[in-house]
Amino acid sequence: MLRKAITLRRRKVMNRNDRTVTLLLRFNLLNKEALENSLKDLKPNEDLIVKLLKEGKLTEEKLIRFFGTISPHSLWRGKPDEVEVPSNILNKFDRDYLLSKMVAPIKYEDSILYVITVNPLNTSNLNEIRFRADVKTVRAFFAPPSTVEKVIDKLYPEFGDIMEELGDIPEVEIEEESMEESVEELTRQAGEGPIVKMANRFIVEAVRLGASDIHIEPFEKEVRVRYRVDGVLKTYHRLPTKIKDALASRYKIMSNLDIAERRKPQDGRIRTRIAGKKVDLRVSTLPTVFGEKIVMRVQEAGKFLNVKLEDLGFEPDDLEKFRRAIWQPWGMVLITGPTGSGKTTTLYSALMERNKEDVNIMTAEDPVEVSIPGINQVQINEKVGLTFASALRAFLRQDPDIILVGEIRDTETADIAIRASLTGHLVFSTLHTNDAPSTITRLTDMGIEPFLVGSSIILIVAQRLIRRLCPKCKVEDDTPRETLVRLGVLKDENEDITIYKAREGGCEYCNGSGYKGRTAVHEILEVDEEMRKAIIKGRTSDELRELAISKGMRTLYQSGILKVRKGITDIKEVNRVLAK
């Protein structure tokens, strides 16, 4: 009976691989004896070619020649770095599964999932992939094992790079007897495989989605994980509450924070490398009613260093104004806007343009977002007395040409920065104001004399980020033309211009949102002689705004409408982000 069962099993295995076996023998890639030996212990769901590769009976070169002969149209000629697959498909698989099958998704379009594999003849494997991905059709191309592995590495990065930078988990003594769980227990849980893998997964997933922030939020009955993608928060995971403390502890260990302190907010930083890219995460913890909330700002160094001013969404005339200002020998350039409006990117792009060997650039930042070669960057540390004001004073003794002050937070910093700009230095900085004209009144409200403000500032840029329409699925806006005229989008009802909007439900390329990526809109106030006199006279922000508009300044809303006219975004997005 046992021999009969074994014989039946071998026959099933042979039937499933019949076509592959026939072709391998016909093209003399293997002899019959070697093939039968491999078939003897072939597992039910194991691919024959994958097994032969592991055993060294087949090589990449032989396979490429083999499939190039029997099916040249099935050879994949793409590049692993160019592969883009929507997250809703990627989430259906995991790295280990794909490596075991030597299959990798490369594209999803029109309900068809395209994959590469070392064995496109294995219909059983492809049917399993189709079932897992829940798609109508799977189309397979041949690629050698090294290529398949490269694609899997790109889509599902390993966590080794993160772990290398973490080092050993520190030992922490118990400080409070009333803690729900001991510090040793939390440290043990935070170092266990599942928690480590989960914590790393959220970071890698956020980077893959292009998220700017990760939110880990504990509630009474669940832990919610949200990512901010293109400026909009969306829930991606809901977890049981029992893991909240271990997960928070894991991130605190990674960012070198005090694992025992759960009553006060803490700030830290994680520096890591994911899929070859340097990634920095600014970590903030906050005690809430149900546990510690963790928010991580995701920053990729490469994105800052490779962005040029032309990539920032400036209109041609605004770009000319901005570029003229940053090449001035002295004065102050201010970038304003709320947190997450792209101020740092704009400032770094300006610094990169001015970063030459004959220019001494010094920055005071809290924190230093990205290390820029050739620029002297100082990390503010108020605990030891290194404030923006004290750093600025030191800068003036370091023979600087350009000074960047990360943020003007108080009167002392503002006063020193302004005086530096009046003594032969070009100063860049940021403020949190709603628009460009109100920046003037904010500085005077801080106690800076109007004549100093008017004499030092040469340009103010207020900016916001708005989402771009998905280029693959945007549709024509059906809003009545008279309404578009009333909103200022069209000059008149007969204007020959097509206005677009986001498609409801989006597509696979934009993960169903209708938008893909973001661009900036700007409000640029140039301080000329007339504007300087108005500032010195103490004019209100409304009066300054009217004067600036009369001299050609576009408001943020007008800049947004211009992006609508160009088909870059839609009215709904402009109204969501900008006040009319």
Protein backbone atom coordinates (compact mmCIF):
# COMPACT_ATOMS: atom_id res chain seq x y z
CA MET A 1 0.00 0.00 0.00
CA LEU A 2 2.81 2.41 0.95
CA ARG A 3 4.66 1.71 -2.33
CA LYS A 4 1.44 2.28 -4.25
CA ALA A 5 0.87 5.63 -2.50
CA ILE A 6 4.42 6.75 -3.30
CA THR A 7 3.99 5.72 -6.94
CA LEU A 8 0.71 7.71 -7.17
CA ARG A 9 2.37 10.77 -5.64
CA ARG A 10 5.27 10.59 -8.10
CA ARG A 11 2.77 10.31 -10.95
CA LYS A 12 0.95 13.48 -9.74
CA VAL A 13 4.24 15.36 -9.50
CA MET A 14 5.20 14.21 -13.00
CA ASN A 15 1.80 15.23 -14.42
CA ARG A 16 2.05 18.72 -12.87
CA ASN A 17 5.55 19.20 -14.34
CA ASP A 18 4.99 17.20 -17.52
CA ARG A 19 5.57 20.07 -19.95
CA THR A 20 8.61 21.36 -18.10
CA VAL A 21 10.16 17.87 -17.89
CA THR A 22 9.54 17.19 -21.60
CA LEU A 23 11.18 20.46 -22.68
CA LEU A 24 14.16 20.08 -20.31
CA LEU A 25 14.86 16.61 -21.74
CA ARG A 26 14.28 17.67 -25.36
CA PHE A 27 16.82 20.51 -25.09
CA ASN A 28 19.34 18.29 -23.25
CA LEU A 29 19.50 20.59 -20.23
CA LEU A 30 19.37 17.54 -17.94
CA ASN A 31 19.60 13.82 -18.35
CA LYS A 32 16.69 11.59 -17.37
CA GLU A 33 18.41 10.12 -14.30
CA ALA A 34 19.25 13.53 -12.77
CA LEU A 35 15.70 14.71 -13.42
CA GLU A 36 14.14 11.64 -11.81
CA ASN A 37 16.34 12.09 -8.71
CA SER A 38 15.06 15.65 -8.28
CA LEU A 39 11.45 14.59 -8.83
CA LYS A 40 11.67 11.90 -6.11
CA ASP A 41 11.60 14.34 -3.20
CA LEU A 42 9.89 17.28 -4.92
CA LYS A 43 7.36 18.75 -2.45
CA PRO A 44 3.72 19.16 -3.54
CA ASN A 45 3.90 22.97 -4.01
CA GLU A 46 7.60 23.20 -4.88
CA ASP A 47 8.61 24.44 -8.32
CA LEU A 48 10.81 22.02 -10.25
CA ILE A 49 13.07 24.66 -11.81
CA VAL A 50 13.53 26.42 -8.46
CA LYS A 51 14.60 23.08 -6.98
CA LEU A 52 17.00 22.34 -9.85
CA LEU A 53 18.56 25.79 -9.41
CA LYS A 54 19.05 25.21 -5.67
CA GLU A 55 20.66 21.84 -6.38
CA GLY A 56 23.01 23.40 -8.92
CA LYS A 57 21.72 21.22 -11.77
CA LEU A 58 20.63 24.32 -13.72
CA THR A 59 22.36 27.68 -14.15
CA GLU A 60 21.04 31.12 -15.00
CA GLU A 61 22.84 31.05 -18.36
CA LYS A 62 21.23 27.73 -19.35
CA LEU A 63 17.78 28.98 -18.33
CA ILE A 64 18.12 32.23 -20.30
CA ARG A 65 19.13 30.28 -23.42
CA PHE A 66 16.33 27.76 -22.80
CA PHE A 67 13.46 30.26 -22.50
CA GLY A 68 15.03 32.48 -25.18
CA THR A 69 14.70 29.51 -27.55
CA ILE A 70 11.28 28.10 -26.64
CA SER A 71 9.55 31.45 -25.95
CA PRO A 72 11.62 34.54 -26.82
CA HIS A 73 8.60 36.87 -26.44
CA SER A 74 8.32 35.86 -22.77
CA LEU A 75 11.77 37.22 -21.81
CA TRP A 76 11.49 40.25 -19.50
CA ARG A 77 13.73 43.11 -20.58
CA GLY A 78 12.80 45.65 -17.89
CA LYS A 79 14.94 47.08 -15.09
CA PRO A 80 14.33 46.22 -11.41
CA ASP A 81 14.78 49.86 -10.35
CA GLU A 82 11.89 50.96 -12.59
CA VAL A 83 9.33 48.50 -11.20
CA GLU A 84 6.28 50.15 -9.59
CA VAL A 85 3.48 48.06 -8.05
CA PRO A 86 0.52 49.51 -6.09
CA SER A 87 0.49 48.82 -2.36
CA ASN A 88 -2.87 47.02 -2.47
CA ILE A 89 -1.17 44.32 -4.59
CA LEU A 90 2.08 44.26 -2.60
CA ASN A 91 0.19 43.75 0.64
CA LYS A 92 -1.21 40.45 -0.68
CA PHE A 93 2.25 38.84 -0.60
CA ASP A 94 5.27 38.69 1.65
CA ARG A 95 8.95 38.47 0.84
CA ASP A 96 9.52 34.87 1.97
CA TYR A 97 6.58 33.56 -0.06
CA LEU A 98 7.75 35.22 -3.28
CA LEU A 99 11.34 34.06 -2.76
CA SER A 100 10.18 30.48 -2.23
CA LYS A 101 8.25 30.62 -5.52
CA MET A 102 10.86 32.83 -7.28
CA VAL A 103 8.05 35.05 -8.55
CA ALA A 104 7.86 38.85 -8.34
CA PRO A 105 5.08 41.27 -9.38
CA ILE A 106 6.25 44.02 -11.77
CA LYS A 107 3.07 45.85 -12.81
CA TYR A 108 -0.68 45.96 -12.28
CA GLU A 109 -2.77 47.50 -15.04
CA ASP A 110 -6.33 47.03 -16.33
CA SER A 111 -6.99 44.21 -13.83
CA ILE A 112 -3.96 42.29 -15.13
CA LEU A 113 -1.08 41.45 -12.80
CA TYR A 114 2.24 41.13 -14.61
CA VAL A 115 4.90 39.00 -12.90
CA ILE A 116 8.40 37.70 -13.59
CA THR A 117 9.40 34.18 -12.64
CA VAL A 118 12.10 31.59 -13.28
CA ASN A 119 9.41 29.22 -14.56
CA PRO A 120 6.55 30.76 -16.57
CA LEU A 121 5.52 27.19 -17.51
CA ASN A 122 4.29 26.52 -13.95
CA THR A 123 0.56 27.26 -14.33
CA SER A 124 -0.14 25.95 -10.83
CA ASN A 125 2.11 28.65 -9.33
CA LEU A 126 0.52 31.36 -11.48
CA ASN A 127 -3.00 30.30 -10.49
CA GLU A 128 -1.99 30.49 -6.82
CA ILE A 129 -0.58 34.00 -7.39
CA ARG A 130 -3.81 35.03 -9.15
CA PHE A 131 -5.90 33.70 -6.25
CA ARG A 132 -3.76 35.44 -3.62
CA ALA A 133 -3.74 38.78 -5.45
CA ASP A 134 -7.48 38.49 -6.22
CA VAL A 135 -7.02 39.57 -9.84
CA LYS A 136 -8.64 38.38 -13.06
CA THR A 137 -5.46 37.57 -15.00
CA VAL A 138 -1.78 36.94 -14.36
CA ARG A 139 0.71 37.27 -17.20
CA ALA A 140 4.16 35.81 -16.61
CA PHE A 141 7.54 36.66 -18.11
CA PHE A 142 10.80 34.80 -17.64
CA ALA A 143 13.63 36.42 -15.68
CA PRO A 144 16.73 34.81 -14.19
CA PRO A 145 16.87 34.23 -10.40
CA SER A 146 19.18 37.22 -9.77
CA THR A 147 16.71 39.58 -11.47
CA VAL A 148 13.72 38.15 -9.61
CA GLU A 149 15.58 38.59 -6.32
CA LYS A 150 16.49 42.22 -7.17
CA VAL A 151 12.84 43.05 -7.83
CA ILE A 152 11.76 41.38 -4.58
CA ASP A 153 14.50 43.33 -2.73
CA LYS A 154 13.17 46.58 -4.17
CA LEU A 155 9.52 45.85 -3.38
CA TYR A 156 10.09 44.13 -0.02
CA PRO A 157 13.30 45.53 1.56
CA GLU A 158 14.88 43.50 4.34
CA PHE A 159 15.17 45.00 7.79
CA GLY A 160 18.87 44.21 8.18
CA ASP A 161 20.02 47.77 7.45
CA ILE A 162 17.76 49.12 10.19
CA MET A 163 18.97 46.57 12.72
CA GLU A 164 22.65 47.27 11.96
CA GLU A 165 22.27 50.88 13.08
CA LEU A 166 20.36 50.08 16.26
CA GLY A 167 23.13 48.25 18.10
CA ASP A 168 22.42 46.41 21.35
CA ILE A 169 19.19 47.02 23.26
CA PRO A 170 20.17 49.06 26.35
CA GLU A 171 19.47 47.82 29.87
CA VAL A 172 17.18 50.16 31.82
CA GLU A 173 16.52 50.09 35.55
CA ILE A 174 13.00 50.27 36.99
CA GLU A 175 12.31 53.76 38.31
CA GLU A 176 8.62 53.54 39.17
CA GLU A 177 6.95 50.78 41.15
CA SER A 178 3.49 51.70 39.86
CA MET A 179 4.17 50.89 36.23
CA GLU A 180 1.71 48.51 34.56
CA GLU A 181 4.61 46.42 33.29
CA SER A 182 8.24 46.39 34.36
CA VAL A 183 10.86 48.06 32.19
CA GLU A 184 12.68 44.73 31.86
CA GLU A 185 9.51 43.08 30.57
CA LEU A 186 8.87 45.88 28.07
CA THR A 187 12.47 45.75 26.90
CA ARG A 188 12.19 41.99 26.45
CA GLN A 189 8.94 42.32 24.48
CA ALA A 190 10.33 45.17 22.38
CA GLY A 191 13.30 43.01 21.41
CA GLU A 192 11.24 39.98 20.39
CA GLY A 193 11.01 39.01 16.73
CA PRO A 194 7.33 39.82 16.05
CA ILE A 195 7.49 43.31 17.59
CA VAL A 196 10.82 44.10 15.88
CA LYS A 197 9.46 42.91 12.53
CA MET A 198 6.22 44.87 12.97
CA ALA A 199 8.02 48.09 13.97
CA ASN A 200 10.35 47.79 10.99
CA ARG A 201 7.53 46.91 8.63
CA PHE A 202 5.68 50.16 9.33
CA ILE A 203 8.81 52.20 8.56
CA VAL A 204 9.56 50.33 5.32
CA GLU A 205 5.92 50.43 4.25
CA ALA A 206 5.70 54.19 4.89
CA VAL A 207 8.86 54.84 2.87
CA ARG A 208 7.54 52.67 0.03
CA LEU A 209 4.26 54.60 -0.02
CA GLY A 210 6.08 57.93 0.02
CA ALA A 211 4.49 58.89 3.36
CA SER A 212 5.70 61.99 5.19
CA ASP A 213 4.51 60.90 8.67
CA ILE A 214 3.74 57.70 10.58
CA HIS A 215 1.17 57.85 13.41
CA ILE A 216 0.96 55.01 15.98
CA GLU A 217 -2.13 55.83 18.06
CA PRO A 218 -3.37 53.82 21.08
CA PHE A 219 -7.11 53.81 21.81
CA GLU A 220 -9.32 51.89 24.22
CA LYS A 221 -10.00 48.93 21.92
CA GLU A 222 -7.30 49.13 19.24
CA VAL A 223 -4.00 50.62 18.13
CA ARG A 224 -4.37 52.55 14.90
CA VAL A 225 -1.51 52.98 12.39
CA ARG A 226 -1.93 55.86 9.97
CA TYR A 227 0.37 57.26 7.27
CA ARG A 228 0.21 60.76 5.83
CA VAL A 229 0.55 60.30 2.08
CA ASP A 230 0.45 63.40 -0.15
CA GLY A 231 -0.66 65.44 2.84
CA VAL A 232 -3.67 63.27 3.77
CA LEU A 233 -3.81 60.87 6.74
CA LYS A 234 -5.18 57.41 6.06
CA THR A 235 -5.54 54.34 8.30
CA TYR A 236 -3.51 51.35 7.09
CA HIS A 237 -3.54 48.99 10.10
CA ARG A 238 -5.63 48.30 13.20
CA LEU A 239 -3.85 46.29 15.89
CA PRO A 240 -4.81 44.76 19.26
CA THR A 241 -4.21 47.00 22.28
CA LYS A 242 -2.02 44.43 24.04
CA ILE A 243 0.96 45.33 21.83
CA LYS A 244 0.84 49.11 22.38
CA ASP A 245 3.45 49.30 25.15
CA ALA A 246 5.89 46.90 23.50
CA LEU A 247 5.58 48.70 20.14
CA ALA A 248 6.09 52.13 21.74
CA SER A 249 9.08 50.77 23.63
CA ARG A 250 10.57 49.39 20.43
CA TYR A 251 10.49 52.78 18.75
CA LYS A 252 11.90 54.43 21.87
CA ILE A 253 14.80 51.97 21.86
CA MET A 254 15.40 52.63 18.16
CA SER A 255 15.47 56.42 18.73
CA ASN A 256 17.55 56.20 21.92
CA LEU A 257 14.82 57.57 24.21
CA ASP A 258 14.16 56.74 27.86
CA ILE A 259 12.04 53.59 27.81
CA ALA A 260 11.11 54.07 31.48
CA GLU A 261 9.67 57.56 31.03
CA ARG A 262 6.04 57.32 29.96
CA ARG A 263 4.66 60.44 31.65
CA LYS A 264 6.42 63.12 29.59
CA PRO A 265 6.75 63.81 25.85
CA GLN A 266 10.10 62.84 24.33
CA ASP A 267 11.82 63.59 21.03
CA GLY A 268 14.40 61.44 19.28
CA ARG A 269 15.74 60.40 15.92
CA ILE A 270 16.22 57.19 13.95
CA ARG A 271 18.81 57.12 11.18
CA THR A 272 18.64 54.14 8.89
CA ARG A 273 19.03 52.90 5.33
CA ILE A 274 16.20 51.26 3.41
CA ALA A 275 16.74 49.73 -0.04
CA GLY A 276 19.99 51.68 -0.35
CA LYS A 277 18.40 55.05 0.54
CA LYS A 278 19.30 57.05 3.64
CA VAL A 279 16.18 57.71 5.70
CA ASP A 280 15.88 59.87 8.82
CA LEU A 281 12.89 59.67 11.14
CA ARG A 282 12.14 62.37 13.70
CA VAL A 283 10.35 60.58 16.54
CA SER A 284 7.96 62.27 18.95
CA THR A 285 6.20 60.50 21.83
CA LEU A 286 3.18 61.90 23.66
CA PRO A 287 1.41 60.39 26.72
CA THR A 288 -2.33 60.01 26.04
CA VAL A 289 -5.20 58.53 28.06
CA PHE A 290 -4.69 55.05 26.55
CA GLY A 291 -0.91 55.01 26.18
CA GLU A 292 1.90 56.73 24.30
CA LYS A 293 1.23 58.07 20.83
CA ILE A 294 4.22 57.87 18.49
CA VAL A 295 4.56 60.17 15.49
CA MET A 296 7.52 59.82 13.13
CA ARG A 297 8.38 62.36 10.42
CA VAL A 298 9.94 60.49 7.48
CA GLN A 299 12.72 62.30 5.63
CA GLU A 300 14.80 60.92 2.79
CA ALA A 301 18.15 62.68 2.46
CA GLY A 302 18.27 62.04 -1.28
CA LYS A 303 15.02 63.90 -1.88
CA PHE A 304 16.38 67.08 -0.29
CA LEU A 305 19.77 66.94 -1.99
CA ASN A 306 18.48 66.28 -5.51
CA VAL A 307 15.69 68.86 -5.62
CA LYS A 308 16.30 71.97 -7.74
CA LEU A 309 14.39 75.26 -7.51
CA GLU A 310 12.73 74.45 -10.84
CA ASP A 311 11.16 71.35 -9.24
CA LEU A 312 9.38 73.25 -6.45
CA GLY A 313 6.29 74.47 -8.34
CA PHE A 314 7.34 78.13 -8.70
CA GLU A 315 5.66 80.03 -11.53
CA PRO A 316 8.33 81.42 -13.91
CA ASP A 317 7.99 85.04 -12.69
CA ASP A 318 8.00 83.94 -9.01
CA LEU A 319 11.08 81.78 -9.59
CA GLU A 320 12.87 84.77 -11.06
CA LYS A 321 12.02 86.85 -7.95
CA PHE A 322 13.14 84.10 -5.57
CA ARG A 323 16.37 83.40 -7.42
CA ARG A 324 17.18 87.12 -7.56
CA ALA A 325 16.72 87.34 -3.77
CA ILE A 326 18.89 84.33 -2.86
CA TRP A 327 21.77 85.72 -4.93
CA GLN A 328 21.76 89.05 -3.09
CA PRO A 329 24.94 89.76 -1.05
CA TRP A 330 22.98 90.66 2.09
CA GLY A 331 19.44 90.91 3.46
CA MET A 332 16.86 88.49 4.82
CA VAL A 333 14.73 85.93 2.96
CA LEU A 334 11.86 84.43 4.98
CA ILE A 335 9.83 81.31 4.17
CA THR A 336 6.51 81.05 6.02
CA GLY A 337 3.83 78.43 6.40
CA PRO A 338 2.58 75.75 8.79
CA THR A 339 4.42 72.55 9.69
CA GLY A 340 4.66 70.24 6.69
CA SER A 341 4.30 72.97 4.04
CA GLY A 342 7.69 72.29 2.44
CA LYS A 343 9.63 75.20 3.97
CA THR A 344 12.72 73.06 4.66
CA THR A 345 12.80 71.72 1.10
CA THR A 346 12.65 75.24 -0.33
CA LEU A 347 15.41 76.49 1.98
CA TYR A 348 17.67 73.51 1.30
CA SER A 349 17.19 73.92 -2.46
CA ALA A 350 18.25 77.56 -2.16
CA LEU A 351 21.30 76.57 -0.10
CA MET A 352 22.25 73.87 -2.62
CA GLU A 353 22.20 76.47 -5.40
CA ARG A 354 24.47 78.81 -3.40
CA ASN A 355 26.70 76.01 -2.07
CA LYS A 356 29.98 76.84 -3.81
CA GLU A 357 33.59 76.57 -2.66
CA ASP A 358 33.95 80.36 -2.29
CA VAL A 359 30.86 80.74 -0.05
CA ASN A 360 30.83 80.07 3.71
CA ILE A 361 27.35 78.79 4.64
CA MET A 362 26.38 78.16 8.27
CA THR A 363 23.07 76.79 9.55
CA ALA A 364 21.47 76.54 12.99
CA GLU A 365 18.73 73.91 12.94
CA ASP A 366 16.53 72.05 15.39
CA PRO A 367 16.92 69.35 14.32
CA VAL A 368 19.40 69.17 11.43
CA GLU A 369 17.12 67.64 8.81
CA VAL A 370 19.76 66.43 6.33
CA SER A 371 23.54 66.63 6.30
CA ILE A 372 24.69 68.66 3.28
CA PRO A 373 28.31 68.30 2.13
CA GLY A 374 30.15 71.63 2.16
CA ILE A 375 27.81 73.36 4.64
CA ASN A 376 28.54 73.93 8.35
CA GLN A 377 25.44 72.74 10.20
CA VAL A 378 24.83 73.19 13.94
CA GLN A 379 22.32 71.15 15.93
CA ILE A 380 20.50 73.33 18.47
CA ASN A 381 20.58 71.89 21.99
CA GLU A 382 18.76 74.13 24.46
CA LYS A 383 19.54 71.78 27.38
CA VAL A 384 23.19 72.78 27.23
CA GLY A 385 22.51 76.41 26.33
CA LEU A 386 23.05 76.10 22.56
CA THR A 387 20.03 78.14 21.43
CA PHE A 388 19.34 79.77 18.08
CA ALA A 389 20.43 83.11 19.56
CA SER A 390 23.72 81.81 21.00
CA ALA A 391 24.51 79.93 17.76
CA LEU A 392 23.86 83.09 15.75
CA ARG A 393 26.21 85.11 17.93
CA ALA A 394 28.92 82.49 17.39
CA PHE A 395 28.25 82.44 13.62
CA LEU A 396 29.04 86.15 13.35
CA ARG A 397 32.57 85.39 14.56
CA GLN A 398 32.99 82.62 11.97
CA ASP A 399 33.16 84.86 8.86
CA PRO A 400 29.91 83.62 7.26
CA ASP A 401 28.51 84.68 3.87
CA ILE A 402 25.12 82.97 4.26
CA ILE A 403 23.36 82.09 7.52
CA LEU A 404 20.32 79.85 7.85
CA VAL A 405 18.30 80.07 11.06
CA GLY A 406 15.97 77.06 11.22
CA GLU A 407 13.16 79.03 12.84
CA ILE A 408 12.68 82.45 14.39
CA ARG A 409 11.04 81.55 17.72
CA ASP A 410 11.71 84.56 19.93
CA THR A 411 12.58 88.25 19.92
CA GLU A 412 16.25 87.68 20.69
CA THR A 413 16.74 85.35 17.71
CA ALA A 414 14.78 87.69 15.42
CA ASP A 415 16.81 90.70 16.54
CA ILE A 416 20.20 89.03 16.00
CA ALA A 417 19.13 87.58 12.61
CA ILE A 418 17.91 90.96 11.38
CA ARG A 419 21.06 92.75 12.55
CA ALA A 420 23.18 90.08 10.84
CA SER A 421 21.33 90.74 7.58
CA LEU A 422 22.08 94.45 7.94
CA THR A 423 25.82 93.88 8.41
CA GLY A 424 26.68 92.20 5.15
CA HIS A 425 25.20 88.69 5.54
CA LEU A 426 22.46 86.91 3.60
CA VAL A 427 20.10 85.34 6.16
CA PHE A 428 17.49 82.63 5.46
CA SER A 429 14.88 81.68 8.05
CA THR A 430 11.31 80.48 8.61
CA LEU A 431 8.26 81.69 10.51
CA HIS A 432 4.84 80.20 11.15
CA THR A 433 2.39 82.71 9.63
CA ASN A 434 -0.64 82.32 7.37
CA ASP A 435 0.54 84.55 4.53
CA ALA A 436 3.40 86.76 3.44
CA PRO A 437 2.14 90.24 4.59
CA SER A 438 1.28 89.04 8.12
CA THR A 439 4.95 88.04 8.54
CA ILE A 440 5.82 91.73 8.76
CA THR A 441 3.31 92.39 11.55
CA ARG A 442 4.39 89.19 13.36
CA LEU A 443 7.96 90.52 13.60
CA THR A 444 6.85 93.94 14.80
CA ASP A 445 4.53 92.26 17.35
CA MET A 446 7.61 90.39 18.63
CA GLY A 447 9.16 93.76 19.47
CA ILE A 448 11.36 94.35 16.41
CA GLU A 449 11.38 97.99 15.33
CA PRO A 450 9.57 98.56 11.98
CA PHE A 451 12.58 100.38 10.52
CA LEU A 452 14.77 97.30 11.19
CA VAL A 453 12.18 94.99 9.60
CA GLY A 454 11.78 97.22 6.55
CA SER A 455 15.51 97.67 6.09
CA SER A 456 16.48 94.00 6.40
CA ILE A 457 13.85 91.91 4.59
CA ILE A 458 14.20 91.57 0.82
CA LEU A 459 11.70 88.76 0.14
CA ILE A 460 8.97 86.78 1.94
CA VAL A 461 7.62 83.52 0.54
CA ALA A 462 4.43 82.00 1.96
CA GLN A 463 3.80 78.48 0.69
CA ARG A 464 1.52 75.47 0.96
CA LEU A 465 1.56 71.98 -0.55
CA ILE A 466 -1.34 70.76 -2.67
CA ARG A 467 -1.87 67.35 -4.22
CA ARG A 468 -1.29 66.77 -7.92
CA LEU A 469 -3.96 65.06 -10.00
CA CYS A 470 -3.09 61.49 -10.96
CA PRO A 471 -1.84 61.72 -14.57
CA LYS A 472 -3.26 58.30 -15.44
CA CYS A 473 -6.86 58.75 -14.29
CA LYS A 474 -7.73 62.46 -14.04
CA VAL A 475 -11.00 63.34 -15.77
CA GLU A 476 -12.54 66.48 -17.20
CA ASP A 477 -14.32 68.63 -14.60
CA ASP A 478 -18.08 68.78 -15.26
CA THR A 479 -18.68 71.85 -13.07
CA PRO A 480 -20.87 74.36 -14.96
CA ARG A 481 -18.72 76.93 -16.76
CA GLU A 482 -20.55 79.86 -15.17
CA THR A 483 -19.52 78.47 -11.76
CA LEU A 484 -15.91 78.15 -12.92
CA VAL A 485 -16.03 81.80 -13.99
CA ARG A 486 -17.42 82.81 -10.60
CA LEU A 487 -14.64 80.87 -8.85
CA GLY A 488 -12.03 82.66 -10.94
CA VAL A 489 -10.89 79.53 -12.77
CA LEU A 490 -12.13 80.75 -16.17
CA LYS A 491 -11.95 84.32 -17.45
CA ASP A 492 -15.28 83.90 -19.25
CA GLU A 493 -17.64 81.07 -20.25
CA ASN A 494 -16.26 80.93 -23.79
CA GLU A 495 -12.61 80.51 -22.79
CA ASP A 496 -11.19 77.49 -24.60
CA ILE A 497 -9.48 75.62 -21.77
CA THR A 498 -10.09 72.17 -20.24
CA ILE A 499 -10.34 71.93 -16.46
CA TYR A 500 -9.65 68.57 -14.80
CA LYS A 501 -10.56 66.91 -11.51
CA ALA A 502 -9.67 63.73 -9.61
CA ARG A 503 -11.55 60.63 -10.68
CA GLU A 504 -13.76 59.18 -7.96
CA GLY A 505 -12.08 56.03 -6.63
CA GLY A 506 -8.83 56.78 -8.48
CA CYS A 507 -6.84 53.94 -10.03
CA GLU A 508 -4.13 51.43 -9.08
CA TYR A 509 -1.34 53.92 -9.88
CA CYS A 510 -2.56 56.45 -7.28
CA ASN A 511 -3.78 53.83 -4.75
CA GLY A 512 -7.38 54.87 -5.32
CA SER A 513 -6.99 58.50 -4.22
CA GLY A 514 -7.16 60.28 -7.58
CA TYR A 515 -3.99 62.20 -6.68
CA LYS A 516 -0.30 61.38 -7.05
CA GLY A 517 2.43 63.49 -5.48
CA ARG A 518 2.36 67.12 -4.35
CA THR A 519 3.51 70.50 -5.56
CA ALA A 520 3.86 73.87 -3.85
CA VAL A 521 1.88 77.07 -4.32
CA HIS A 522 3.55 80.33 -3.40
CA GLU A 523 2.72 83.87 -2.36
CA ILE A 524 5.79 86.05 -2.88
CA LEU A 525 6.12 89.51 -1.37
CA GLU A 526 9.08 91.43 -2.78
CA VAL A 527 10.22 94.34 -0.62
CA ASP A 528 11.04 97.29 -2.88
CA GLU A 529 11.46 100.94 -1.88
CA GLU A 530 7.71 101.66 -1.75
CA MET A 531 7.00 98.54 0.32
CA ARG A 532 9.92 99.37 2.63
CA LYS A 533 8.50 102.83 3.33
CA ALA A 534 5.05 101.30 4.09
CA ILE A 535 6.61 98.85 6.56
CA ILE A 536 8.60 101.59 8.32
CA LYS A 537 5.38 103.64 8.63
CA GLY A 538 3.77 100.70 10.46
CA ARG A 539 1.07 99.83 7.90
CA THR A 540 -1.26 96.93 8.82
CA SER A 541 -1.00 93.54 7.15
CA ASP A 542 -4.18 94.25 5.13
CA GLU A 543 -2.70 97.48 3.82
CA LEU A 544 0.57 95.75 3.00
CA ARG A 545 -1.37 92.98 1.21
CA GLU A 546 -3.26 95.49 -0.95
CA LEU A 547 -0.03 97.25 -1.85
CA ALA A 548 1.71 93.95 -2.70
CA ILE A 549 -1.22 92.79 -4.90
CA SER A 550 -1.20 96.13 -6.72
CA LYS A 551 2.50 95.49 -7.46
CA GLY A 552 1.80 92.03 -8.93
CA MET A 553 1.80 89.62 -5.96
CA ARG A 554 -0.38 86.54 -6.43
CA THR A 555 -2.14 85.31 -3.29
CA LEU A 556 -1.90 81.65 -2.32
CA TYR A 557 -5.44 81.07 -3.58
CA GLN A 558 -4.68 82.73 -6.92
CA SER A 559 -1.57 80.57 -7.27
CA GLY A 560 -3.72 77.50 -6.58
CA ILE A 561 -6.25 78.54 -9.23
CA LEU A 562 -3.39 78.93 -11.70
CA LYS A 563 -2.44 75.31 -11.00
CA VAL A 564 -6.08 74.31 -11.69
CA ARG A 565 -5.98 76.11 -15.04
CA LYS A 566 -2.81 74.20 -15.92
CA GLY A 567 -4.42 70.84 -15.11
CA ILE A 568 -2.04 70.17 -12.22
CA THR A 569 -4.69 70.04 -9.48
CA ASP A 570 -8.44 70.57 -9.06
CA ILE A 571 -10.75 73.08 -7.38
CA LYS A 572 -11.63 70.69 -4.57
CA GLU A 573 -7.98 70.38 -3.53
CA VAL A 574 -7.39 74.15 -3.72
CA ASN A 575 -10.45 74.79 -1.52
CA ARG A 576 -9.29 72.09 0.92
CA VAL A 577 -5.88 73.65 1.48
CA LEU A 578 -6.22 77.37 0.72
CA ALA A 579 -8.48 80.15 1.97
CA LYS A 580 -9.96 82.35 -0.73
